[in-house]
C-alpha atoms as a PDB file:
ATOM      1  CA  UNK A   1      43.294 136.329  40.219  1.00  0.00           C
ATOM      2  CA  UNK A   2      44.532 139.832  40.889  1.00  0.00           C
ATOM      3  CA  UNK A   3      43.195 143.268  39.987  1.00  0.00           C
ATOM      4  CA  UNK A   4      45.717 146.081  39.700  1.00  0.00           C
ATOM      5  CA  UNK A   5      44.513 149.711  39.645  1.00  0.00           C
ATOM      6  CA  UNK A   6      41.311 148.753  37.822  1.00  0.00           C
ATOM      7  CA  UNK A   7      39.091 151.667  36.822  1.00  0.00           C
ATOM      8  CA  UNK A   8      35.660 151.744  35.183  1.00  0.00           C
ATOM      9  CA  UNK A   9      33.846 154.857  33.994  1.00  0.00           C
ATOM     10  CA  UNK A  10      30.358 155.294  32.565  1.00  0.00           C
ATOM     11  CA  UNK A  11      31.090 158.286  30.355  1.00  0.00           C
ATOM     12  CA  UNK A  12      32.328 160.945  32.762  1.00  0.00           C
ATOM     13  CA  UNK A  13      30.890 159.127  35.792  1.00  0.00           C
ATOM     14  CA  UNK A  14      33.228 157.014  37.905  1.00  0.00           C
ATOM     15  CA  UNK A  15      32.132 153.446  38.559  1.00  0.00           C
ATOM     16  CA  UNK A  16      35.269 152.208  40.302  1.00  0.00           C
ATOM     17  CA  UNK A  17      38.735 153.733  40.373  1.00  0.00           C
ATOM     18  CA  UNK A  18      42.180 152.256  41.001  1.00  0.00           C
ATOM     19  CA  UNK A  19      40.854 149.111  42.684  1.00  0.00           C
ATOM     20  CA  UNK A  20      43.506 146.536  43.548  1.00  0.00           C
ATOM     21  CA  UNK A  21      42.710 143.179  45.138  1.00  0.00           C
ATOM     22  CA  UNK A  22      43.546 139.497  44.909  1.00  0.00           C
ATOM     23  CA  UNK A  23      41.853 136.161  45.526  1.00  0.00           C
ATOM     24  CA  UNK A  24      43.462 132.750  46.047  1.00  0.00           C
ATOM     25  CA  UNK A  25      42.280 129.294  45.006  1.00  0.00           C
ATOM     26  CA  UNK A  26      39.443 127.949  47.152  1.00  0.00           C
ATOM     27  CA  UNK A  27      39.103 131.212  49.064  1.00  0.00           C
ATOM     28  CA  UNK A  28      35.892 133.096  49.797  1.00  0.00           C
ATOM     29  CA  UNK A  29      36.470 136.847  49.564  1.00  0.00           C
ATOM     30  CA  UNK A  30      33.725 139.387  50.220  1.00  0.00           C
ATOM     31  CA  UNK A  31      33.169 142.753  48.537  1.00  0.00           C
ATOM     32  CA  UNK A  32      31.365 145.042  50.956  1.00  0.00           C
ATOM     33  CA  UNK A  33      30.086 148.587  50.821  1.00  0.00           C
ATOM     34  CA  UNK A  34      26.975 150.728  50.737  1.00  0.00           C
ATOM     35  CA  UNK A  35      24.617 150.812  47.764  1.00  0.00           C
ATOM     36  CA  UNK A  36      26.353 152.532  44.857  1.00  0.00           C
ATOM     37  CA  UNK A  37      29.853 151.870  46.209  1.00  0.00           C
ATOM     38  CA  UNK A  38      30.850 150.027  43.019  1.00  0.00           C
ATOM     39  CA  UNK A  39      30.601 146.383  44.084  1.00  0.00           C
ATOM     40  CA  UNK A  40      28.398 145.159  41.229  1.00  0.00           C
ATOM     41  CA  UNK A  41      30.293 147.303  38.727  1.00  0.00           C
ATOM     42  CA  UNK A  42      33.508 145.600  39.785  1.00  0.00           C
ATOM     43  CA  UNK A  43      32.051 142.128  39.193  1.00  0.00           C
ATOM     44  CA  UNK A  44      30.774 143.236  35.780  1.00  0.00           C
ATOM     45  CA  UNK A  45      34.231 144.544  34.890  1.00  0.00           C
ATOM     46  CA  UNK A  46      35.900 141.283  35.916  1.00  0.00           C
ATOM     47  CA  UNK A  47      33.416 139.236  33.896  1.00  0.00           C
ATOM     48  CA  UNK A  48      33.693 141.540  30.859  1.00  0.00           C
ATOM     49  CA  UNK A  49      30.132 142.871  30.905  1.00  0.00           C
ATOM     50  CA  UNK A  50      31.444 146.425  31.153  1.00  0.00           C
ATOM     51  CA  UNK A  51      34.724 147.733  29.791  1.00  0.00           C
ATOM     52  CA  UNK A  52      37.598 149.097  31.817  1.00  0.00           C
ATOM     53  CA  UNK A  53      39.274 152.458  31.387  1.00  0.00           C
ATOM     54  CA  UNK A  54      42.625 151.361  32.797  1.00  0.00           C
ATOM     55  CA  UNK A  55      44.238 148.763  35.005  1.00  0.00           C
ATOM     56  CA  UNK A  56      44.690 145.015  34.674  1.00  0.00           C
ATOM     57  CA  UNK A  57      42.899 141.782  35.541  1.00  0.00           C
ATOM     58  CA  UNK A  58      45.673 139.243  36.071  1.00  0.00           C
ATOM     59  CA  UNK A  59      44.369 135.721  35.719  1.00  0.00           C
ATOM     60  CA  UNK A  60      46.839 132.833  35.741  1.00  0.00           C
ATOM     61  CA  UNK A  61      49.591 134.872  34.145  1.00  0.00           C
ATOM     62  CA  UNK A  62      47.474 136.736  31.587  1.00  0.00           C
ATOM     63  CA  UNK A  63      45.864 140.172  31.520  1.00  0.00           C
ATOM     64  CA  UNK A  64      42.150 139.641  30.895  1.00  0.00           C
ATOM     65  CA  UNK A  65      41.189 143.333  30.880  1.00  0.00           C
ATOM     66  CA  UNK A  66      40.544 143.296  27.102  1.00  0.00           C
ATOM     67  CA  UNK A  67      39.427 139.661  26.758  1.00  0.00           C
ATOM     68  CA  UNK A  68      35.828 139.064  25.620  1.00  0.00           C
ATOM     69  CA  UNK A  69      33.219 138.057  28.194  1.00  0.00           C
ATOM     70  CA  UNK A  70      32.674 134.742  26.395  1.00  0.00           C
ATOM     71  CA  UNK A  71      36.362 133.853  26.522  1.00  0.00           C
ATOM     72  CA  UNK A  72      36.494 134.694  30.220  1.00  0.00           C
ATOM     73  CA  UNK A  73      33.700 132.183  30.892  1.00  0.00           C
ATOM     74  CA  UNK A  74      35.494 129.528  28.856  1.00  0.00           C
ATOM     75  CA  UNK A  75      38.659 130.177  30.879  1.00  0.00           C
ATOM     76  CA  UNK A  76      36.796 129.782  34.169  1.00  0.00           C
ATOM     77  CA  UNK A  77      35.526 133.225  35.240  1.00  0.00           C
ATOM     78  CA  UNK A  78      31.806 132.842  35.948  1.00  0.00           C
ATOM     79  CA  UNK A  79      29.426 135.555  37.141  1.00  0.00           C
ATOM     80  CA  UNK A  80      26.125 134.847  38.932  1.00  0.00           C
ATOM     81  CA  UNK A  81      24.376 138.236  38.758  1.00  0.00           C
ATOM     82  CA  UNK A  82      22.036 139.832  41.244  1.00  0.00           C
ATOM     83  CA  UNK A  83      18.442 138.733  40.716  1.00  0.00           C
ATOM     84  CA  UNK A  84      19.406 135.148  39.716  1.00  0.00           C
ATOM     85  CA  UNK A  85      18.512 135.627  35.996  1.00  0.00           C
ATOM     86  CA  UNK A  86      17.262 132.073  35.570  1.00  0.00           C
ATOM     87  CA  UNK A  87      14.905 131.082  32.739  1.00  0.00           C
ATOM     88  CA  UNK A  88      11.589 130.523  34.474  1.00  0.00           C
ATOM     89  CA  UNK A  89       9.915 128.892  31.435  1.00  0.00           C
ATOM     90  CA  UNK A  90      12.634 126.223  31.250  1.00  0.00           C
ATOM     91  CA  UNK A  91      13.082 123.228  33.524  1.00  0.00           C
ATOM     92  CA  UNK A  92      15.794 122.985  36.143  1.00  0.00           C
ATOM     93  CA  UNK A  93      17.698 120.575  33.906  1.00  0.00           C
ATOM     94  CA  UNK A  94      17.430 122.898  30.891  1.00  0.00           C
ATOM     95  CA  UNK A  95      18.711 125.826  32.955  1.00  0.00           C
ATOM     96  CA  UNK A  96      21.671 123.757  34.071  1.00  0.00           C
ATOM     97  CA  UNK A  97      22.392 122.635  30.517  1.00  0.00           C
ATOM     98  CA  UNK A  98      22.660 126.284  29.450  1.00  0.00           C
ATOM     99  CA  UNK A  99      25.468 126.673  31.942  1.00  0.00           C
ATOM    100  CA  UNK A 100      27.552 123.932  30.386  1.00  0.00           C
ATOM    101  CA  UNK A 101      27.552 125.074  26.750  1.00  0.00           C
ATOM    102  CA  UNK A 102      30.361 127.504  27.494  1.00  0.00           C
ATOM    103  CA  UNK A 103      32.609 124.681  28.704  1.00  0.00           C
ATOM    104  CA  UNK A 104      34.703 122.695  26.252  1.00  0.00           C
ATOM    105  CA  UNK A 105      33.250 119.322  27.241  1.00  0.00           C
ATOM    106  CA  UNK A 106      32.225 116.409  25.046  1.00  0.00           C
ATOM    107  CA  UNK A 107      28.691 114.995  25.289  1.00  0.00           C
ATOM    108  CA  UNK A 108      29.636 112.236  27.721  1.00  0.00           C
ATOM    109  CA  UNK A 109      31.562 114.694  29.871  1.00  0.00           C
ATOM    110  CA  UNK A 110      28.564 117.020  29.917  1.00  0.00           C
ATOM    111  CA  UNK A 111      26.325 114.246  31.226  1.00  0.00           C
ATOM    112  CA  UNK A 112      28.920 113.414  33.864  1.00  0.00           C
ATOM    113  CA  UNK A 113      29.169 117.067  34.883  1.00  0.00           C
ATOM    114  CA  UNK A 114      25.384 117.344  35.157  1.00  0.00           C
ATOM    115  CA  UNK A 115      25.359 114.396  37.567  1.00  0.00           C
ATOM    116  CA  UNK A 116      28.253 115.885  39.554  1.00  0.00           C
ATOM    117  CA  UNK A 117      26.467 119.195  39.996  1.00  0.00           C
ATOM    118  CA  UNK A 118      23.233 117.523  41.098  1.00  0.00           C
ATOM    119  CA  UNK A 119      25.248 115.618  43.708  1.00  0.00           C
ATOM    120  CA  UNK A 120      26.744 118.919  44.845  1.00  0.00           C
ATOM    121  CA  UNK A 121      23.296 120.567  44.964  1.00  0.00           C
ATOM    122  CA  UNK A 122      20.938 117.756  46.074  1.00  0.00           C
ATOM    123  CA  UNK A 123      18.089 120.204  46.673  1.00  0.00           C
ATOM    124  CA  UNK A 124      17.753 120.397  42.865  1.00  0.00           C
ATOM    125  CA  UNK A 125      17.819 116.657  42.260  1.00  0.00           C
ATOM    126  CA  UNK A 126      14.128 116.070  42.935  1.00  0.00           C
ATOM    127  CA  UNK A 127      13.168 119.129  40.853  1.00  0.00           C
ATOM    128  CA  UNK A 128      15.187 118.369  37.695  1.00  0.00           C
ATOM    129  CA  UNK A 129      12.119 118.207  35.444  1.00  0.00           C
ATOM    130  CA  UNK A 130      10.247 121.036  37.159  1.00  0.00           C
ATOM    131  CA  UNK A 131       9.891 124.490  35.628  1.00  0.00           C
ATOM    132  CA  UNK A 132      12.334 126.886  37.260  1.00  0.00           C
ATOM    133  CA  UNK A 133       9.539 129.420  37.707  1.00  0.00           C
ATOM    134  CA  UNK A 134       7.813 127.014  40.091  1.00  0.00           C
ATOM    135  CA  UNK A 135      10.756 126.928  42.486  1.00  0.00           C
ATOM    136  CA  UNK A 136      10.935 128.969  45.678  1.00  0.00           C
ATOM    137  CA  UNK A 137      13.211 131.995  45.819  1.00  0.00           C
ATOM    138  CA  UNK A 138      15.847 130.034  47.693  1.00  0.00           C
ATOM    139  CA  UNK A 139      15.712 127.147  45.236  1.00  0.00           C
ATOM    140  CA  UNK A 140      16.043 129.575  42.330  1.00  0.00           C
ATOM    141  CA  UNK A 141      19.164 131.051  43.919  1.00  0.00           C
ATOM    142  CA  UNK A 142      20.608 127.562  44.348  1.00  0.00           C
ATOM    143  CA  UNK A 143      19.801 126.896  40.676  1.00  0.00           C
ATOM    144  CA  UNK A 144      21.617 130.081  39.625  1.00  0.00           C
ATOM    145  CA  UNK A 145      24.725 129.017  41.563  1.00  0.00           C
ATOM    146  CA  UNK A 146      24.512 125.452  40.252  1.00  0.00           C
ATOM    147  CA  UNK A 147      24.224 126.711  36.668  1.00  0.00           C
ATOM    148  CA  UNK A 148      27.380 128.733  37.256  1.00  0.00           C
ATOM    149  CA  UNK A 149      29.173 125.623  38.494  1.00  0.00           C
ATOM    150  CA  UNK A 150      28.296 123.577  35.405  1.00  0.00           C
ATOM    151  CA  UNK A 151      31.284 124.917  33.460  1.00  0.00           C
ATOM    152  CA  UNK A 152      33.750 124.037  36.242  1.00  0.00           C
ATOM    153  CA  UNK A 153      34.739 127.637  37.052  1.00  0.00           C
ATOM    154  CA  UNK A 154      37.987 128.513  38.754  1.00  0.00           C
ATOM    155  CA  UNK A 155      36.457 131.760  40.040  1.00  0.00           C
ATOM    156  CA  UNK A 156      32.737 132.067  40.837  1.00  0.00           C
ATOM    157  CA  UNK A 157      31.536 135.654  41.312  1.00  0.00           C
ATOM    158  CA  UNK A 158      28.139 135.988  42.937  1.00  0.00           C
ATOM    159  CA  UNK A 159      26.156 139.168  43.509  1.00  0.00           C
ATOM    160  CA  UNK A 160      23.818 139.475  46.520  1.00  0.00           C
ATOM    161  CA  UNK A 161      22.893 135.785  46.974  1.00  0.00           C
ATOM    162  CA  UNK A 162      20.853 136.450  50.137  1.00  0.00           C
ATOM    163  CA  UNK A 163      18.663 139.139  48.568  1.00  0.00           C
ATOM    164  CA  UNK A 164      14.960 138.479  49.211  1.00  0.00           C
ATOM    165  CA  UNK A 165      15.498 135.161  50.994  1.00  0.00           C
ATOM    166  CA  UNK A 166      14.295 134.132  54.434  1.00  0.00           C
ATOM    167  CA  UNK A 167      17.000 133.242  57.015  1.00  0.00           C
ATOM    168  CA  UNK A 168      16.570 129.488  56.581  1.00  0.00           C
ATOM    169  CA  UNK A 169      17.091 129.688  52.810  1.00  0.00           C
ATOM    170  CA  UNK A 170      20.058 132.020  53.317  1.00  0.00           C
ATOM    171  CA  UNK A 171      21.712 129.410  55.523  1.00  0.00           C
ATOM    172  CA  UNK A 172      21.218 126.782  52.811  1.00  0.00           C
ATOM    173  CA  UNK A 173      22.695 129.025  50.119  1.00  0.00           C
ATOM    174  CA  UNK A 174      25.710 129.948  52.236  1.00  0.00           C
ATOM    175  CA  UNK A 175      26.376 126.322  53.190  1.00  0.00           C
ATOM    176  CA  UNK A 176      26.470 125.578  49.453  1.00  0.00           C
ATOM    177  CA  UNK A 177      28.914 128.430  48.807  1.00  0.00           C
ATOM    178  CA  UNK A 178      31.237 126.936  51.405  1.00  0.00           C
ATOM    179  CA  UNK A 179      30.902 123.574  49.650  1.00  0.00           C
ATOM    180  CA  UNK A 180      31.787 125.264  46.347  1.00  0.00           C
ATOM    181  CA  UNK A 181      34.939 126.765  47.877  1.00  0.00           C
ATOM    182  CA  UNK A 182      35.853 123.346  49.311  1.00  0.00           C
ATOM    183  CA  UNK A 183      36.132 122.036  45.726  1.00  0.00           C
ATOM    184  CA  UNK A 184      38.939 124.551  45.102  1.00  0.00           C
ATOM    185  CA  UNK A 185      36.761 127.114  43.314  1.00  0.00           C
ATOM    186  CA  UNK A 186      37.383 130.686  44.440  1.00  0.00           C
ATOM    187  CA  UNK A 187      34.239 132.590  45.477  1.00  0.00           C
ATOM    188  CA  UNK A 188      34.139 136.383  45.110  1.00  0.00           C
ATOM    189  CA  UNK A 189      31.035 137.460  46.965  1.00  0.00           C
ATOM    190  CA  UNK A 190      29.112 140.733  46.897  1.00  0.00           C
ATOM    191  CA  UNK A 191      26.831 140.870  49.919  1.00  0.00           C
ATOM    192  CA  UNK A 192      24.867 143.679  51.544  1.00  0.00           C
ATOM    193  CA  UNK A 193      24.543 141.748  54.817  1.00  0.00           C
ATOM    194  CA  UNK A 194      27.908 142.574  56.379  1.00  0.00           C
ATOM    195  CA  UNK A 195      27.757 140.170  59.311  1.00  0.00           C
ATOM    196  CA  UNK A 196      26.728 137.297  57.077  1.00  0.00           C
ATOM    197  CA  UNK A 197      29.522 137.967  54.597  1.00  0.00           C
ATOM    198  CA  UNK A 198      32.201 138.240  57.278  1.00  0.00           C
ATOM    199  CA  UNK A 199      31.092 134.932  58.789  1.00  0.00           C
ATOM    200  CA  UNK A 200      31.755 133.024  55.571  1.00  0.00           C
ATOM    201  CA  UNK A 201      34.616 134.979  53.999  1.00  0.00           C
ATOM    202  CA  UNK A 202      38.257 134.636  54.951  1.00  0.00           C
ATOM    203  CA  UNK A 203      38.991 138.182  53.802  1.00  0.00           C
ATOM    204  CA  UNK A 204      37.053 141.210  52.619  1.00  0.00           C
ATOM    205  CA  UNK A 205      37.436 144.464  50.725  1.00  0.00           C
ATOM    206  CA  UNK A 206      35.246 147.441  51.580  1.00  0.00           C
ATOM    207  CA  UNK A 207      34.428 149.808  48.740  1.00  0.00           C
ATOM    208  CA  UNK A 208      33.472 153.431  49.284  1.00  0.00           C
ATOM    209  CA  UNK A 209      32.598 155.699  46.361  1.00  0.00           C
ATOM    210  CA  UNK A 210      34.249 153.324  43.922  1.00  0.00           C
ATOM    211  CA  UNK A 211      37.570 152.807  45.706  1.00  0.00           C
ATOM    212  CA  UNK A 212      38.885 150.379  48.313  1.00  0.00           C
ATOM    213  CA  UNK A 213      38.530 152.050  51.700  1.00  0.00           C
ATOM    214  CA  UNK A 214      39.391 149.021  53.867  1.00  0.00           C
ATOM    215  CA  UNK A 215      40.680 145.491  53.450  1.00  0.00           C
ATOM    216  CA  UNK A 216      41.803 142.677  55.678  1.00  0.00           C
ATOM    217  CA  UNK A 217      40.839 139.389  57.236  1.00  0.00           C
ATOM    218  CA  UNK A 218      37.202 139.092  58.249  1.00  0.00           C
ATOM    219  CA  UNK A 219      37.722 138.848  62.004  1.00  0.00           C
ATOM    220  CA  UNK A 220      39.750 142.066  62.043  1.00  0.00           C
ATOM    221  CA  UNK A 221      37.285 143.989  59.870  1.00  0.00           C
ATOM    222  CA  UNK A 222      34.318 142.845  61.972  1.00  0.00           C
ATOM    223  CA  UNK A 223      35.612 144.893  64.912  1.00  0.00           C
ATOM    224  CA  UNK A 224      36.904 147.858  62.914  1.00  0.00           C
ATOM    225  CA  UNK A 225      34.786 151.017  63.511  1.00  0.00           C
ATOM    226  CA  UNK A 226      35.758 152.276  60.058  1.00  0.00           C
ATOM    227  CA  UNK A 227      33.573 149.547  58.554  1.00  0.00           C
ATOM    228  CA  UNK A 228      30.396 151.205  59.821  1.00  0.00           C
ATOM    229  CA  UNK A 229      31.715 154.578  58.721  1.00  0.00           C
ATOM    230  CA  UNK A 230      32.128 153.268  55.164  1.00  0.00           C
ATOM    231  CA  UNK A 231      28.440 152.366  55.076  1.00  0.00           C
ATOM    232  CA  UNK A 232      27.310 155.619  56.648  1.00  0.00           C
ATOM    233  CA  UNK A 233      29.577 157.749  54.489  1.00  0.00           C
ATOM    234  CA  UNK A 234      31.202 159.230  57.568  1.00  0.00           C
ATOM    235  CA  UNK A 235      34.783 159.352  58.731  1.00  0.00           C
ATOM    236  CA  UNK A 236      35.923 157.418  61.768  1.00  0.00           C
ATOM    237  CA  UNK A 237      37.952 159.132  64.497  1.00  0.00           C
END
C-alpha cells in the first residue's frame, strides 16, 4: 500500500497534508508524533472513516481514495481504533464473529477461520464464552486485534494498542503483533510510546502538524535528535 500526497481537512482545518508513505507485505511500520500530529486522522482516511481532499491511496494497483469504508474492509484494509471498541455485552466468540461478516467466507470457512484465530491468540481460547466486558484491559486489546484478524486482512491498522495497559500486558500485545506480521499481514501502527514502537517496527514515519517531518528505518530514527524535536515542537540544530 502506498499513500501519495494524501490530504485531509475538517472544513478549513488541516488534518493531514501531502502525506506520502508506503508499507510492504508482512512489515510493521510505525506512525509517530505528538498528540494532534495527525496520526489517527491518517488511519481514518486510509480506512475510509473520513474523506480525503486530495491525493491517492494505492492498494494493489487501485486508488482507494474514493472507495467506501465497507469495500476497503472486504478488500483487506482493517482498522483497529483507539479504545478497542469491543462490545462488552457480547461474548468473546460473538465479538470475533462480528469481525468475520465482512469477509466473503462460506459458513464452513468461517468456522475454520474462527479456530485459526483462536490458535493465533490462545489467550482468548479459554474465554470464548465469557462476556468481553469481564476481560482485563490487555485481554480486551487482544480481542480487538483478533477481531480485526478474522477477515484475513492484508493490512491491519492499529491505533495506540498500549494505551492504558501495564507493561506485562503491553509485552503480550506486541508479541502478538509480531506474530500477525509473521503471517504476511502488514501492520501499520500508531503508538505514543516511541521507544516501544521503534523496537517492533522496521521503519517509521514521524508526523508533525499533519505532515511527514521524518522517516526512515527504526534504528536510524532512534538516534536522530530531530525525533525529540518533533514531539516538543522545536527545531533541531
